[in-house]
Amino acid sequence: MKQTCLYDKHVALGAQMSPFAGYDMPIQYSSIAEEHQAVRTACGIFDVSHMGEIVVNGKDAERFVQHIFTNDIKDGKDGQVYYGMMCREDGGTVDDLLVYKMAYWDYFLVVNAANIDKDWAWIQEQAKGFEVILTNRSDNYAQLAVQGPDSEQIISEVLGLSVCQMIPFYTARYVLIDPKVKMLMSRTGYTGEDGFEIYASPETINKYWDKLLASGRCKPCGLGCRDTLRFEVGLPLYGDELSDDISPVMAGLGMFVKTDKEEFIGKEALARQKAEGTAKKLVGIELQDKAIPRHGYTVLSPDGTPIGEVTTGYRGISVDKSICMALIDSKYAKLGTEVQVQIRKKVFPGTVVKKQFYNKNYKH
């Protein structure tokens, strides 16, 4: 079991630790609900050092990233951050990721922790014939996510970093801490709130974690509320809402699949799915009861026919409703359609609703 550079600090804080993607990670410190609300109303900090970082350099860097990535980076400015997917020829999702365009010859890819080895092998295989240098830097970076409506002010005042001019989900920048230390920061996150992600050496991340906690203005948050936060605003988790068998079009993420660009792996299949539709679609479902739907539970039509499965489900902390995302037969995916969810031995009525149960609060 791997440990992040902040492992000892999590244990000292009494965090509930659990295996995730090969790491022993904090699930919660106080309670998932308390940590969730701290991010929605003030500020929470997450250790996300388990995430993977892959660097693409070289003459063909831009052309190669365009080849493996569904979004279009060609006309972006240096420093822009793009969300999208890497897909197989059949449209299945290898992973969803962030791509940082540092320069036309320099790209920084942030991939899911559980997929680092798979992604690294796949990217290396696709690079044949391109003049690129690939470097897996996953073990060199630690990462901190500072999330919530107070995050900008706290980072400015506690860490002394000027971030008010950074554009959300687009602008990244190198910030010099001292002549020997370089750090990458972006106004991004996985909570639906304003926030920042910081990539730096383990030493720097340890210092920042200590400063932020000592300020008394940030609550340490675990992976438990990271999941409830992202779920409420309709953000996918690889392995639940995306997978080798679930394409971004099926998952309702077609806006990040630019089929009008020249080429990328999976373009033909995904363009066909956009034009013709898919057999299954990812939807939101709101139950009329307080029973909680969980991953893998069966979704039924009104007459009791199985039509799909729940991908993620909770009692929504911010909305106080029993809600879930589910992959179901497309003919039942229209908003307002009545469905049922089987929870253990009982069946509960529900309604198809938008996947975004809670509005995102990004800074504009």
Protein backbone atom coordinates (compact mmCIF):
# COMPACT_ATOMS: atom_id res chain seq x y z
CA MET A 1 0.00 0.00 0.00
CA LYS A 2 1.45 3.37 -1.05
CA GLN A 3 1.34 6.45 1.15
CA THR A 4 1.26 10.09 0.14
CA CYS A 5 3.70 12.59 1.63
CA LEU A 6 0.95 13.75 4.01
CA TYR A 7 0.13 10.28 5.36
CA ASP A 8 1.57 10.85 8.85
CA LYS A 9 -0.35 14.11 9.16
CA HIS A 10 -3.63 12.36 8.27
CA VAL A 11 -3.02 9.70 10.91
CA ALA A 12 -2.10 12.34 13.50
CA LEU A 13 -5.41 14.11 12.80
CA GLY A 14 -7.29 10.88 13.46
CA ALA A 15 -8.44 10.40 9.87
CA GLN A 16 -10.29 7.25 8.92
CA MET A 17 -7.92 5.67 6.41
CA SER A 18 -8.85 3.23 3.66
CA PRO A 19 -7.28 1.74 0.51
CA PHE A 20 -7.95 3.65 -2.71
CA ALA A 21 -6.12 3.19 -6.03
CA GLY A 22 -3.25 1.44 -4.27
CA TYR A 23 -2.85 4.20 -1.66
CA ASP A 24 -3.85 4.37 1.99
CA MET A 25 -6.00 7.51 1.82
CA PRO A 26 -8.08 9.55 4.28
CA ILE A 27 -11.82 8.96 3.83
CA GLN A 28 -12.93 11.38 6.53
CA TYR A 29 -11.62 13.26 9.55
CA SER A 30 -14.74 14.42 11.42
CA SER A 31 -17.70 13.41 9.27
CA ILE A 32 -18.41 13.38 5.54
CA ALA A 33 -21.36 15.74 6.04
CA GLU A 34 -19.31 18.29 8.02
CA GLU A 35 -16.47 18.26 5.51
CA HIS A 36 -18.92 18.49 2.58
CA GLN A 37 -20.61 21.55 4.08
CA ALA A 38 -17.25 23.18 4.85
CA VAL A 39 -16.40 23.10 1.13
CA ARG A 40 -19.85 24.37 0.12
CA THR A 41 -19.80 27.27 2.60
CA ALA A 42 -16.15 28.14 3.37
CA CYS A 43 -13.02 26.13 2.49
CA GLY A 44 -11.73 22.58 2.61
CA ILE A 45 -8.35 21.11 1.70
CA PHE A 46 -7.75 17.72 0.15
CA ASP A 47 -4.63 15.62 -0.24
CA VAL A 48 -4.86 14.41 -3.84
CA SER A 49 -1.21 13.44 -4.23
CA HIS A 50 -2.30 10.01 -5.48
CA MET A 51 -3.29 11.50 -8.85
CA GLY A 52 -1.06 10.78 -11.85
CA GLU A 53 1.00 13.28 -13.85
CA ILE A 54 2.40 12.57 -17.31
CA VAL A 55 4.46 15.09 -19.28
CA VAL A 56 4.48 15.20 -23.08
CA ASN A 57 7.31 17.21 -24.69
CA GLY A 58 8.75 17.49 -28.17
CA LYS A 59 8.21 18.57 -31.74
CA ASP A 60 4.99 16.56 -32.14
CA ALA A 61 3.62 17.16 -28.63
CA GLU A 62 0.58 19.12 -29.73
CA ARG A 63 -0.24 16.78 -32.61
CA PHE A 64 0.11 13.76 -30.34
CA VAL A 65 -2.11 15.16 -27.58
CA GLN A 66 -4.70 16.05 -30.23
CA HIS A 67 -4.49 12.44 -31.43
CA ILE A 68 -5.26 10.86 -28.03
CA PHE A 69 -7.59 13.51 -26.55
CA THR A 70 -11.26 14.13 -27.36
CA ASN A 71 -11.19 17.88 -26.68
CA ASP A 72 -9.55 20.38 -29.06
CA ILE A 73 -6.40 22.07 -27.74
CA LYS A 74 -5.05 23.48 -31.00
CA ASP A 75 -6.23 27.07 -30.68
CA GLY A 76 -5.78 27.34 -26.92
CA LYS A 77 -3.46 29.80 -25.25
CA ASP A 78 -0.41 28.75 -23.28
CA GLY A 79 -1.61 28.04 -19.75
CA GLN A 80 -5.10 26.86 -20.62
CA VAL A 81 -6.52 23.77 -18.95
CA TYR A 82 -8.78 21.36 -20.84
CA TYR A 83 -11.05 18.61 -19.58
CA GLY A 84 -11.69 15.64 -21.84
CA MET A 85 -11.15 11.94 -22.37
CA MET A 86 -8.84 9.45 -23.97
CA CYS A 87 -10.90 6.88 -25.85
CA ARG A 88 -10.47 3.63 -27.71
CA GLU A 89 -11.41 3.20 -31.36
CA ASP A 90 -14.84 1.89 -30.33
CA GLY A 91 -15.51 5.01 -28.21
CA GLY A 92 -14.95 3.33 -24.84
CA THR A 93 -13.20 5.56 -22.32
CA VAL A 94 -9.58 4.86 -21.38
CA ASP A 95 -9.71 7.70 -18.82
CA ASP A 96 -10.94 11.23 -18.27
CA LEU A 97 -8.24 13.77 -17.54
CA LEU A 98 -7.05 17.36 -17.46
CA VAL A 99 -4.61 18.57 -20.09
CA TYR A 100 -2.51 21.64 -19.27
CA LYS A 101 -1.18 23.39 -22.36
CA MET A 102 2.04 24.97 -21.17
CA ALA A 103 3.35 25.55 -24.73
CA TYR A 104 2.83 23.91 -28.13
CA TRP A 105 5.69 21.56 -27.30
CA ASP A 106 4.94 21.08 -23.58
CA TYR A 107 1.84 19.40 -22.13
CA PHE A 108 1.03 18.28 -18.60
CA LEU A 109 -1.56 15.49 -18.29
CA VAL A 110 -3.31 14.76 -14.99
CA VAL A 111 -4.90 11.31 -14.91
CA ASN A 112 -6.91 9.33 -12.39
CA ALA A 113 -4.95 7.56 -9.66
CA ALA A 114 -6.53 4.17 -10.34
CA ASN A 115 -5.56 4.38 -14.03
CA ILE A 116 -1.95 5.59 -13.87
CA ASP A 117 -0.34 2.33 -14.99
CA LYS A 118 -3.02 1.60 -17.59
CA ASP A 119 -2.88 5.14 -19.00
CA TRP A 120 0.91 5.21 -19.07
CA ALA A 121 1.07 1.94 -21.04
CA TRP A 122 -1.67 3.07 -23.42
CA ILE A 123 -0.09 6.50 -24.05
CA GLN A 124 3.30 4.93 -24.73
CA GLU A 125 1.73 2.56 -27.25
CA GLN A 126 -0.08 5.39 -29.07
CA ALA A 127 3.10 7.49 -29.25
CA LYS A 128 4.75 5.26 -31.82
CA GLY A 129 5.47 7.34 -34.91
CA PHE A 130 5.38 10.69 -33.06
CA GLU A 131 8.46 12.72 -32.13
CA VAL A 132 7.62 13.12 -28.45
CA ILE A 133 9.31 12.54 -25.11
CA LEU A 134 6.99 11.01 -22.52
CA THR A 135 7.74 11.20 -18.80
CA ASN A 136 5.68 9.65 -16.03
CA ARG A 137 6.11 12.16 -13.17
CA SER A 138 3.44 10.64 -10.91
CA ASP A 139 5.92 9.84 -8.14
CA ASN A 140 7.57 13.27 -8.28
CA TYR A 141 4.56 15.49 -7.62
CA ALA A 142 2.42 15.93 -4.56
CA GLN A 143 -0.93 17.68 -5.00
CA LEU A 144 -3.20 19.75 -2.81
CA ALA A 145 -6.76 20.84 -3.64
CA VAL A 146 -8.05 23.95 -1.87
CA GLN A 147 -11.78 24.19 -2.52
CA GLY A 148 -14.66 26.44 -1.50
CA PRO A 149 -15.95 30.02 -1.76
CA ASP A 150 -13.24 31.32 0.62
CA SER A 151 -10.36 29.56 -1.16
CA GLU A 152 -9.15 32.57 -3.17
CA GLN A 153 -8.90 34.82 -0.12
CA ILE A 154 -7.28 32.13 2.02
CA ILE A 155 -4.62 31.24 -0.55
CA SER A 156 -3.81 34.92 -1.01
CA GLU A 157 -3.62 35.74 2.70
CA VAL A 158 -2.26 32.49 4.19
CA LEU A 159 0.08 31.33 1.43
CA GLY A 160 0.87 34.78 0.06
CA LEU A 161 0.05 33.81 -3.53
CA SER A 162 -1.77 36.26 -5.77
CA VAL A 163 -4.51 34.24 -7.46
CA CYS A 164 -7.41 36.65 -7.90
CA GLN A 165 -6.69 37.13 -11.61
CA MET A 166 -6.59 33.42 -12.41
CA ILE A 167 -9.41 32.28 -14.70
CA PRO A 168 -11.37 29.23 -13.49
CA PHE A 169 -10.81 25.97 -15.32
CA TYR A 170 -8.68 27.59 -17.95
CA THR A 171 -5.59 29.37 -16.67
CA ALA A 172 -2.64 27.63 -15.08
CA ARG A 173 0.63 29.23 -14.15
CA TYR A 174 4.02 28.50 -12.75
CA VAL A 175 4.58 30.34 -9.49
CA LEU A 176 8.09 30.82 -8.17
CA ILE A 177 8.23 30.13 -4.45
CA ASP A 178 11.96 30.73 -4.33
CA PRO A 179 14.63 30.48 -7.03
CA LYS A 180 14.92 26.71 -6.53
CA VAL A 181 11.24 25.75 -6.27
CA LYS A 182 8.70 25.76 -9.08
CA MET A 183 5.03 25.06 -8.60
CA LEU A 184 2.09 24.63 -10.94
CA MET A 185 -1.27 25.97 -9.84
CA SER A 186 -4.62 26.03 -11.62
CA ARG A 187 -8.08 27.28 -10.77
CA THR A 188 -9.65 23.86 -11.06
CA GLY A 189 -11.20 21.23 -8.83
CA TYR A 190 -13.67 18.43 -8.44
CA THR A 191 -16.26 19.85 -6.06
CA GLY A 192 -18.43 22.29 -8.04
CA GLU A 193 -17.06 25.18 -5.96
CA ASP A 194 -14.40 27.76 -6.71
CA GLY A 195 -11.01 26.32 -5.91
CA PHE A 196 -7.39 25.69 -6.77
CA GLU A 197 -5.16 22.69 -7.36
CA ILE A 198 -1.47 22.95 -6.50
CA TYR A 199 1.22 20.63 -7.87
CA ALA A 200 4.61 20.82 -6.19
CA SER A 201 7.30 18.85 -4.40
CA PRO A 202 6.32 16.86 -1.30
CA GLU A 203 8.28 19.36 0.82
CA THR A 204 6.31 22.33 -0.52
CA ILE A 205 2.95 20.55 -0.20
CA ASN A 206 3.76 19.63 3.42
CA LYS A 207 4.51 23.29 4.21
CA TYR A 208 1.30 24.48 2.54
CA TRP A 209 -0.82 21.87 4.31
CA ASP A 210 0.59 22.94 7.68
CA LYS A 211 0.10 26.66 6.98
CA LEU A 212 -3.48 26.21 5.80
CA LEU A 213 -4.47 24.07 8.77
CA ALA A 214 -2.69 26.35 11.26
CA SER A 215 -4.71 29.29 9.93
CA GLY A 216 -7.88 27.69 11.30
CA ARG A 217 -9.69 28.75 8.12
CA CYS A 218 -9.60 25.42 6.26
CA LYS A 219 -11.10 22.07 7.16
CA PRO A 220 -9.18 18.92 6.20
CA CYS A 221 -11.38 16.84 3.91
CA GLY A 222 -11.23 13.21 2.85
CA LEU A 223 -12.20 11.25 -0.24
CA GLY A 224 -15.67 10.62 1.22
CA CYS A 225 -16.88 14.18 0.75
CA ARG A 226 -14.86 14.52 -2.44
CA ASP A 227 -17.25 11.94 -3.86
CA THR A 228 -20.45 13.48 -2.46
CA LEU A 229 -19.41 16.95 -3.67
CA ARG A 230 -18.57 15.90 -7.23
CA PHE A 231 -21.68 13.73 -7.44
CA GLU A 232 -24.11 16.51 -6.47
CA VAL A 233 -22.91 18.71 -9.35
CA GLY A 234 -22.96 15.88 -11.90
CA LEU A 235 -19.20 15.34 -12.30
CA PRO A 236 -18.27 11.78 -13.32
CA LEU A 237 -16.01 9.32 -11.54
CA TYR A 238 -14.06 6.92 -13.73
CA GLY A 239 -15.21 3.38 -12.99
CA ASP A 240 -18.74 4.57 -12.22
CA GLU A 241 -19.96 7.06 -14.86
CA LEU A 242 -17.14 6.40 -17.35
CA SER A 243 -15.33 3.17 -18.22
CA ASP A 244 -14.00 1.06 -21.06
CA ASP A 245 -17.65 0.23 -21.77
CA ILE A 246 -19.14 3.70 -21.16
CA SER A 247 -18.31 6.33 -23.75
CA PRO A 248 -18.34 10.07 -23.00
CA VAL A 249 -21.38 10.44 -25.28
CA MET A 250 -23.31 7.82 -23.27
CA ALA A 251 -22.27 9.68 -20.12
CA GLY A 252 -23.66 12.98 -21.43
CA LEU A 253 -20.20 14.50 -21.89
CA GLY A 254 -20.42 15.01 -25.64
CA MET A 255 -19.51 18.69 -25.25
CA PHE A 256 -15.95 17.55 -24.52
CA VAL A 257 -15.83 15.40 -27.66
CA LYS A 258 -14.91 17.67 -30.57
CA THR A 259 -15.81 15.57 -33.60
CA ASP A 260 -15.22 18.56 -35.88
CA LYS A 261 -11.46 18.48 -35.27
CA GLU A 262 -9.25 16.72 -37.80
CA GLU A 263 -8.73 13.39 -36.03
CA PHE A 264 -8.43 11.60 -32.71
CA ILE A 265 -8.69 8.01 -31.55
CA GLY A 266 -12.35 7.01 -31.38
CA LYS A 267 -13.60 9.92 -33.50
CA GLU A 268 -15.57 7.80 -35.97
CA ALA A 269 -17.39 5.81 -33.29
CA LEU A 270 -18.13 8.86 -31.14
CA ALA A 271 -19.34 10.91 -34.12
CA ARG A 272 -21.72 8.07 -34.97
CA GLN A 273 -22.99 7.98 -31.38
CA LYS A 274 -23.59 11.72 -31.44
CA ALA A 275 -25.51 11.46 -34.70
CA GLU A 276 -27.50 8.28 -34.04
CA GLY A 277 -27.74 8.20 -30.25
CA THR A 278 -26.71 5.43 -27.88
CA ALA A 279 -28.58 2.42 -26.50
CA LYS A 280 -28.00 3.63 -22.93
CA LYS A 281 -27.71 7.07 -21.38
CA LEU A 282 -26.55 8.41 -18.04
CA VAL A 283 -29.36 10.16 -16.17
CA GLY A 284 -30.15 11.59 -12.78
CA ILE A 285 -32.91 10.00 -10.70
CA GLU A 286 -34.65 11.48 -7.68
CA LEU A 287 -36.43 9.05 -5.37
CA GLN A 288 -39.66 9.89 -3.59
CA ASP A 289 -38.44 8.07 -0.48
CA LYS A 290 -35.49 8.48 1.90
CA ALA A 291 -34.04 5.10 0.89
CA ILE A 292 -30.52 5.49 -0.52
CA PRO A 293 -29.67 4.01 -3.95
CA ARG A 294 -26.13 2.64 -4.22
CA HIS A 295 -23.76 1.72 -7.03
CA GLY A 296 -24.93 -1.41 -8.84
CA TYR A 297 -28.56 -1.30 -7.72
CA THR A 298 -31.02 -2.17 -10.49
CA VAL A 299 -33.20 0.49 -12.15
CA LEU A 300 -36.60 -0.75 -13.34
CA SER A 301 -39.27 0.53 -15.71
CA PRO A 302 -42.73 1.24 -14.24
CA ASP A 303 -43.78 -2.31 -15.13
CA GLY A 304 -40.79 -3.83 -13.33
CA THR A 305 -38.50 -4.55 -16.30
CA PRO A 306 -34.77 -4.03 -15.55
CA ILE A 307 -33.53 -1.08 -17.63
CA GLY A 308 -30.15 -0.22 -16.11
CA GLU A 309 -28.03 0.26 -13.01
CA VAL A 310 -27.18 2.97 -10.52
CA THR A 311 -23.63 4.30 -10.99
CA THR A 312 -23.49 6.58 -7.91
CA GLY A 313 -26.12 7.28 -5.26
CA TYR A 314 -26.41 9.17 -1.97
CA ARG A 315 -28.73 11.08 0.28
CA GLY A 316 -27.70 14.46 -1.15
CA ILE A 317 -26.09 16.47 1.64
CA SER A 318 -26.70 19.89 0.07
CA VAL A 319 -30.14 19.09 -1.36
CA ASP A 320 -31.51 16.66 1.28
CA LYS A 321 -32.92 14.24 -1.30
CA SER A 322 -32.29 10.61 -2.18
CA ILE A 323 -30.64 10.89 -5.58
CA CYS A 324 -28.49 8.89 -7.95
CA MET A 325 -26.94 8.80 -11.38
CA ALA A 326 -27.78 5.72 -13.41
CA LEU A 327 -27.01 4.27 -16.83
CA ILE A 328 -30.35 3.22 -18.31
CA ASP A 329 -32.02 2.33 -21.61
CA SER A 330 -32.23 5.53 -23.67
CA LYS A 331 -35.98 5.31 -24.25
CA TYR A 332 -36.48 5.95 -20.52
CA ALA A 333 -33.97 8.82 -20.32
CA LYS A 334 -36.34 11.73 -20.99
CA LEU A 335 -36.66 14.19 -18.10
CA GLY A 336 -39.78 13.50 -16.05
CA THR A 337 -39.95 9.79 -16.91
CA GLU A 338 -41.14 7.64 -14.01
CA VAL A 339 -38.82 4.76 -13.08
CA GLN A 340 -38.13 2.54 -10.06
CA VAL A 341 -34.99 1.58 -8.16
CA GLN A 342 -34.64 -1.75 -6.42
CA ILE A 343 -32.95 -1.27 -3.04
CA ARG A 344 -32.34 -4.63 -1.46
CA LYS A 345 -35.71 -6.42 -1.49
CA LYS A 346 -37.89 -3.33 -1.95
CA VAL A 347 -38.70 -1.19 -4.99
CA PHE A 348 -38.89 2.59 -4.70
CA PRO A 349 -40.46 4.99 -7.25
CA GLY A 350 -38.34 7.74 -8.77
CA THR A 351 -38.23 10.33 -11.54
CA VAL A 352 -35.60 11.05 -14.18
CA VAL A 353 -34.09 14.49 -13.53
CA LYS A 354 -30.99 16.43 -14.55
CA LYS A 355 -27.69 14.91 -13.41
CA GLN A 356 -26.66 18.22 -11.88
CA PHE A 357 -28.59 18.09 -8.62
CA TYR A 358 -26.82 21.15 -7.18
CA ASN A 359 -25.65 24.22 -9.11
CA LYS A 360 -21.92 24.74 -9.57
CA ASN A 361 -20.51 27.89 -7.98
CA TYR A 362 -17.44 28.65 -10.06
CA LYS A 363 -16.08 32.19 -10.16
CA HIS A 364 -16.74 33.87 -13.52
